[in-house]
Amino acid sequence: MFRRREPVPFAFLAEADRFRSNVAPPPSERSSAGQIAGRWLLGLTVVAALVGSLVIGMPALSLDHSTETQQSQASQGR
């Protein structure tokens, strides 16, 4: 007699490999030109925002060497 190796609540997992459905899923709808253009525009906006924030943020991240030389020149004059 056939004996199951798994507990009863998970017996459906063993049977799932053998099950084949004859029902095909419905075909996916094609995107319209407006939807494709909207996706491209959204992607372009996100990329432009990231590049813009990088361009604006770079001066704040860079070291400012001019203030160090001004301070040293002022201290030498005393």
C-alpha atoms as a PDB file:
ATOM      1  CA  MET A   1       0.000   0.000   0.000  1.00  0.00           C
ATOM      2  CA  PHE A   2       1.202   3.553  -0.834  1.00  0.00           C
ATOM      3  CA  ARG A   3       2.326   5.512   2.199  1.00  0.00           C
ATOM      4  CA  ARG A   4       2.709   9.306   2.212  1.00  0.00           C
ATOM      5  CA  ARG A   5       5.992  10.701   3.469  1.00  0.00           C
ATOM      6  CA  GLU A   6       4.602  14.133   4.343  1.00  0.00           C
ATOM      7  CA  PRO A   7       2.046  15.058   6.980  1.00  0.00           C
ATOM      8  CA  VAL A   8      -1.542  15.348   5.818  1.00  0.00           C
ATOM      9  CA  PRO A   9      -1.805  19.199   5.738  1.00  0.00           C
ATOM     10  CA  PHE A  10       1.038  19.379   3.187  1.00  0.00           C
ATOM     11  CA  ALA A  11      -0.031  16.469   1.017  1.00  0.00           C
ATOM     12  CA  PHE A  12      -1.248  18.868  -1.689  1.00  0.00           C
ATOM     13  CA  LEU A  13       2.354  19.927  -2.343  1.00  0.00           C
ATOM     14  CA  ALA A  14       3.277  16.416  -3.459  1.00  0.00           C
ATOM     15  CA  GLU A  15       0.247  16.250  -5.732  1.00  0.00           C
ATOM     16  CA  ALA A  16       0.891  19.696  -7.226  1.00  0.00           C
ATOM     17  CA  ASP A  17       3.767  18.395  -9.350  1.00  0.00           C
ATOM     18  CA  ARG A  18       1.511  15.905 -11.091  1.00  0.00           C
ATOM     19  CA  PHE A  19      -1.409  18.299 -11.685  1.00  0.00           C
ATOM     20  CA  ARG A  20      -1.677  19.876 -15.133  1.00  0.00           C
ATOM     21  CA  SER A  21      -4.342  22.402 -15.936  1.00  0.00           C
ATOM     22  CA  ASN A  22      -6.034  22.543 -19.311  1.00  0.00           C
ATOM     23  CA  VAL A  23      -7.129  26.144 -18.743  1.00  0.00           C
ATOM     24  CA  ALA A  24      -4.832  28.706 -20.329  1.00  0.00           C
ATOM     25  CA  PRO A  25      -4.510  32.136 -18.728  1.00  0.00           C
ATOM     26  CA  PRO A  26      -5.969  35.008 -20.718  1.00  0.00           C
ATOM     27  CA  PRO A  27      -3.536  36.781 -23.030  1.00  0.00           C
ATOM     28  CA  SER A  28      -2.040  39.971 -21.639  1.00  0.00           C
ATOM     29  CA  GLU A  29      -3.300  43.208 -23.089  1.00  0.00           C
ATOM     30  CA  ARG A  30      -0.903  45.268 -25.147  1.00  0.00           C
ATOM     31  CA  SER A  31       0.009  48.672 -23.787  1.00  0.00           C
ATOM     32  CA  SER A  32      -1.216  51.665 -25.705  1.00  0.00           C
ATOM     33  CA  ALA A  33       1.135  54.301 -27.076  1.00  0.00           C
ATOM     34  CA  GLY A  34       0.080  56.701 -24.335  1.00  0.00           C
ATOM     35  CA  GLN A  35       0.914  54.202 -21.618  1.00  0.00           C
ATOM     36  CA  ILE A  36       4.328  53.491 -23.126  1.00  0.00           C
ATOM     37  CA  ALA A  37       5.042  57.216 -23.451  1.00  0.00           C
ATOM     38  CA  GLY A  38       3.941  57.753 -19.852  1.00  0.00           C
ATOM     39  CA  ARG A  39       6.292  55.064 -18.597  1.00  0.00           C
ATOM     40  CA  TRP A  40       9.184  56.540 -20.549  1.00  0.00           C
ATOM     41  CA  LEU A  41       8.379  60.012 -19.222  1.00  0.00           C
ATOM     42  CA  LEU A  42       8.207  58.750 -15.651  1.00  0.00           C
ATOM     43  CA  GLY A  43      11.523  56.932 -16.001  1.00  0.00           C
ATOM     44  CA  LEU A  44      13.146  59.967 -17.570  1.00  0.00           C
ATOM     45  CA  THR A  45      11.841  62.168 -14.740  1.00  0.00           C
ATOM     46  CA  VAL A  46      13.266  59.847 -12.084  1.00  0.00           C
ATOM     47  CA  VAL A  47      16.665  59.701 -13.802  1.00  0.00           C
ATOM     48  CA  ALA A  48      16.713  63.483 -14.259  1.00  0.00           C
ATOM     49  CA  ALA A  49      15.868  63.984 -10.581  1.00  0.00           C
ATOM     50  CA  LEU A  50      18.706  61.697  -9.505  1.00  0.00           C
ATOM     51  CA  VAL A  51      21.210  63.410 -11.802  1.00  0.00           C
ATOM     52  CA  GLY A  52      19.996  66.840 -10.719  1.00  0.00           C
ATOM     53  CA  SER A  53      20.342  66.020  -7.040  1.00  0.00           C
ATOM     54  CA  LEU A  54      23.844  64.710  -7.691  1.00  0.00           C
ATOM     55  CA  VAL A  55      24.837  67.869  -9.596  1.00  0.00           C
ATOM     56  CA  ILE A  56      23.394  70.145  -6.913  1.00  0.00           C
ATOM     57  CA  GLY A  57      24.857  68.085  -4.062  1.00  0.00           C
ATOM     58  CA  MET A  58      28.408  67.778  -5.395  1.00  0.00           C
ATOM     59  CA  PRO A  59      29.543  71.278  -4.333  1.00  0.00           C
ATOM     60  CA  ALA A  60      28.367  70.559  -0.794  1.00  0.00           C
ATOM     61  CA  LEU A  61      30.387  67.334  -0.726  1.00  0.00           C
ATOM     62  CA  SER A  62      33.604  68.800  -2.085  1.00  0.00           C
ATOM     63  CA  LEU A  63      36.265  70.219   0.251  1.00  0.00           C
ATOM     64  CA  ASP A  64      36.673  73.954   0.084  1.00  0.00           C
ATOM     65  CA  HIS A  65      40.428  74.684   0.133  1.00  0.00           C
ATOM     66  CA  SER A  66      40.070  78.434  -0.383  1.00  0.00           C
ATOM     67  CA  THR A  67      38.856  79.041   3.190  1.00  0.00           C
ATOM     68  CA  GLU A  68      41.895  77.267   4.619  1.00  0.00           C
ATOM     69  CA  THR A  69      44.321  79.466   2.667  1.00  0.00           C
ATOM     70  CA  GLN A  70      42.479  82.629   3.657  1.00  0.00           C
ATOM     71  CA  GLN A  71      42.650  81.718   7.300  1.00  0.00           C
ATOM     72  CA  SER A  72      46.340  80.885   7.078  1.00  0.00           C
ATOM     73  CA  GLN A  73      47.114  84.198   5.320  1.00  0.00           C
ATOM     74  CA  ALA A  74      45.223  86.111   7.964  1.00  0.00           C
ATOM     75  CA  SER A  75      47.083  84.373  10.759  1.00  0.00           C
ATOM     76  CA  GLN A  76      50.478  85.113   9.101  1.00  0.00           C
ATOM     77  CA  GLY A  77      49.760  88.833   8.938  1.00  0.00           C
ATOM     78  CA  ARG A  78      49.439  89.196  12.691  1.00  0.00           C
END
